[in-house]
């Protein structure tokens, strides 16, 4: 649990805002913000392997957020579409 907390604590606030507001660029949930992706979809990525690059890094953080029940704390960071 300490490692998971460190991920969020070490992340600059502006990066956290970008993370939760980034839209999924492909697939069934294309256009949906990462924080709003269904947890089973994010878990599927965890099991299959996250995509390379920034998207994969962000999905890995979203996974940790969702499985640890932190999503409600980050919902206020979502911007209006």
C-alpha atoms as a PDB file:
ATOM      1  CA  UNK A   1       0.000   0.000   0.000  1.00  0.00           C
ATOM      2  CA  UNK A   2       2.871   2.369   0.703  1.00  0.00           C
ATOM      3  CA  UNK A   3       4.032   2.154  -2.914  1.00  0.00           C
ATOM      4  CA  UNK A   4       0.559   2.951  -4.235  1.00  0.00           C
ATOM      5  CA  UNK A   5       0.281   6.018  -2.058  1.00  0.00           C
ATOM      6  CA  UNK A   6       3.723   7.153  -3.200  1.00  0.00           C
ATOM      7  CA  UNK A   7       2.630   7.060  -6.853  1.00  0.00           C
ATOM      8  CA  UNK A   8      -0.060   9.651  -6.199  1.00  0.00           C
ATOM      9  CA  UNK A   9       1.884  11.662  -3.646  1.00  0.00           C
ATOM     10  CA  UNK A  10       4.845  12.077  -5.991  1.00  0.00           C
ATOM     11  CA  UNK A  11       2.692  13.068  -8.964  1.00  0.00           C
ATOM     12  CA  UNK A  12       2.478  16.813  -9.666  1.00  0.00           C
ATOM     13  CA  UNK A  13      -1.085  18.144  -9.396  1.00  0.00           C
ATOM     14  CA  UNK A  14      -1.221  19.218 -13.051  1.00  0.00           C
ATOM     15  CA  UNK A  15      -0.198  15.706 -14.166  1.00  0.00           C
ATOM     16  CA  UNK A  16      -2.914  14.191 -11.990  1.00  0.00           C
ATOM     17  CA  UNK A  17      -5.492  16.457 -13.638  1.00  0.00           C
ATOM     18  CA  UNK A  18      -4.236  15.425 -17.097  1.00  0.00           C
ATOM     19  CA  UNK A  19      -4.285  11.763 -16.071  1.00  0.00           C
ATOM     20  CA  UNK A  20      -7.921  11.675 -14.984  1.00  0.00           C
ATOM     21  CA  UNK A  21      -9.092  13.772 -17.950  1.00  0.00           C
ATOM     22  CA  UNK A  22      -7.186  12.006 -20.731  1.00  0.00           C
ATOM     23  CA  UNK A  23      -9.528  10.323 -23.172  1.00  0.00           C
ATOM     24  CA  UNK A  24      -9.065   6.737 -24.232  1.00  0.00           C
ATOM     25  CA  UNK A  25      -7.764   6.992 -27.818  1.00  0.00           C
ATOM     26  CA  UNK A  26      -8.990   3.613 -29.105  1.00  0.00           C
ATOM     27  CA  UNK A  27     -11.155   0.588 -28.465  1.00  0.00           C
ATOM     28  CA  UNK A  28     -14.607   0.065 -27.107  1.00  0.00           C
ATOM     29  CA  UNK A  29     -14.363   3.056 -24.772  1.00  0.00           C
ATOM     30  CA  UNK A  30     -12.723   5.460 -27.202  1.00  0.00           C
ATOM     31  CA  UNK A  31     -13.345   9.050 -26.097  1.00  0.00           C
ATOM     32  CA  UNK A  32     -14.123   8.131 -22.480  1.00  0.00           C
ATOM     33  CA  UNK A  33     -11.907   9.692 -19.834  1.00  0.00           C
ATOM     34  CA  UNK A  34      -9.494   7.317 -18.137  1.00  0.00           C
ATOM     35  CA  UNK A  35     -10.981   7.836 -14.678  1.00  0.00           C
ATOM     36  CA  UNK A  36     -14.416   6.933 -16.059  1.00  0.00           C
ATOM     37  CA  UNK A  37     -13.316   3.650 -17.658  1.00  0.00           C
ATOM     38  CA  UNK A  38     -15.051   0.605 -16.151  1.00  0.00           C
ATOM     39  CA  UNK A  39     -12.842  -1.169 -13.635  1.00  0.00           C
ATOM     40  CA  UNK A  40     -13.094  -4.569 -15.414  1.00  0.00           C
ATOM     41  CA  UNK A  41     -11.711  -2.941 -18.591  1.00  0.00           C
ATOM     42  CA  UNK A  42      -8.735  -1.515 -16.688  1.00  0.00           C
ATOM     43  CA  UNK A  43      -8.171  -4.875 -14.959  1.00  0.00           C
ATOM     44  CA  UNK A  44      -8.214  -6.535 -18.399  1.00  0.00           C
ATOM     45  CA  UNK A  45      -5.395  -4.209 -19.486  1.00  0.00           C
ATOM     46  CA  UNK A  46      -3.485  -5.072 -16.298  1.00  0.00           C
ATOM     47  CA  UNK A  47      -3.769  -8.777 -17.141  1.00  0.00           C
ATOM     48  CA  UNK A  48      -3.016  -8.400 -20.856  1.00  0.00           C
ATOM     49  CA  UNK A  49      -0.321  -5.768 -20.465  1.00  0.00           C
ATOM     50  CA  UNK A  50      -0.694  -2.027 -20.587  1.00  0.00           C
ATOM     51  CA  UNK A  51       0.092  -0.331 -23.913  1.00  0.00           C
ATOM     52  CA  UNK A  52       3.535   1.250 -24.234  1.00  0.00           C
ATOM     53  CA  UNK A  53       4.266   4.877 -23.493  1.00  0.00           C
ATOM     54  CA  UNK A  54       2.423   7.533 -21.530  1.00  0.00           C
ATOM     55  CA  UNK A  55      -1.001   5.935 -22.039  1.00  0.00           C
ATOM     56  CA  UNK A  56       0.193   2.676 -20.498  1.00  0.00           C
ATOM     57  CA  UNK A  57       1.767   4.507 -17.571  1.00  0.00           C
ATOM     58  CA  UNK A  58      -1.444   6.415 -16.964  1.00  0.00           C
ATOM     59  CA  UNK A  59      -3.607   3.303 -17.240  1.00  0.00           C
ATOM     60  CA  UNK A  60      -1.377   1.605 -14.651  1.00  0.00           C
ATOM     61  CA  UNK A  61      -2.003   4.501 -12.253  1.00  0.00           C
ATOM     62  CA  UNK A  62      -5.744   4.405 -13.013  1.00  0.00           C
ATOM     63  CA  UNK A  63      -5.667   0.693 -12.180  1.00  0.00           C
ATOM     64  CA  UNK A  64      -4.151   1.427  -8.762  1.00  0.00           C
ATOM     65  CA  UNK A  65      -6.683   4.213  -8.183  1.00  0.00           C
ATOM     66  CA  UNK A  66      -9.636   1.976  -8.999  1.00  0.00           C
ATOM     67  CA  UNK A  67      -8.603  -1.182  -7.120  1.00  0.00           C
ATOM     68  CA  UNK A  68      -7.846   0.888  -4.017  1.00  0.00           C
ATOM     69  CA  UNK A  69     -11.161   2.734  -4.063  1.00  0.00           C
ATOM     70  CA  UNK A  70      -9.626   6.178  -4.623  1.00  0.00           C
ATOM     71  CA  UNK A  71     -11.800   7.124  -7.589  1.00  0.00           C
ATOM     72  CA  UNK A  72     -14.267   9.263  -5.567  1.00  0.00           C
ATOM     73  CA  UNK A  73     -11.378  11.391  -4.298  1.00  0.00           C
ATOM     74  CA  UNK A  74     -10.303  12.238  -7.855  1.00  0.00           C
ATOM     75  CA  UNK A  75     -13.717  12.848  -9.429  1.00  0.00           C
ATOM     76  CA  UNK A  76     -13.600  16.569  -8.517  1.00  0.00           C
ATOM     77  CA  UNK A  77     -10.605  16.898 -10.868  1.00  0.00           C
ATOM     78  CA  UNK A  78     -12.708  15.962 -13.915  1.00  0.00           C
ATOM     79  CA  UNK A  79     -13.280  18.901 -16.216  1.00  0.00           C
ATOM     80  CA  UNK A  80     -16.530  19.512 -18.060  1.00  0.00           C
ATOM     81  CA  UNK A  81     -16.488  18.107 -21.548  1.00  0.00           C
END
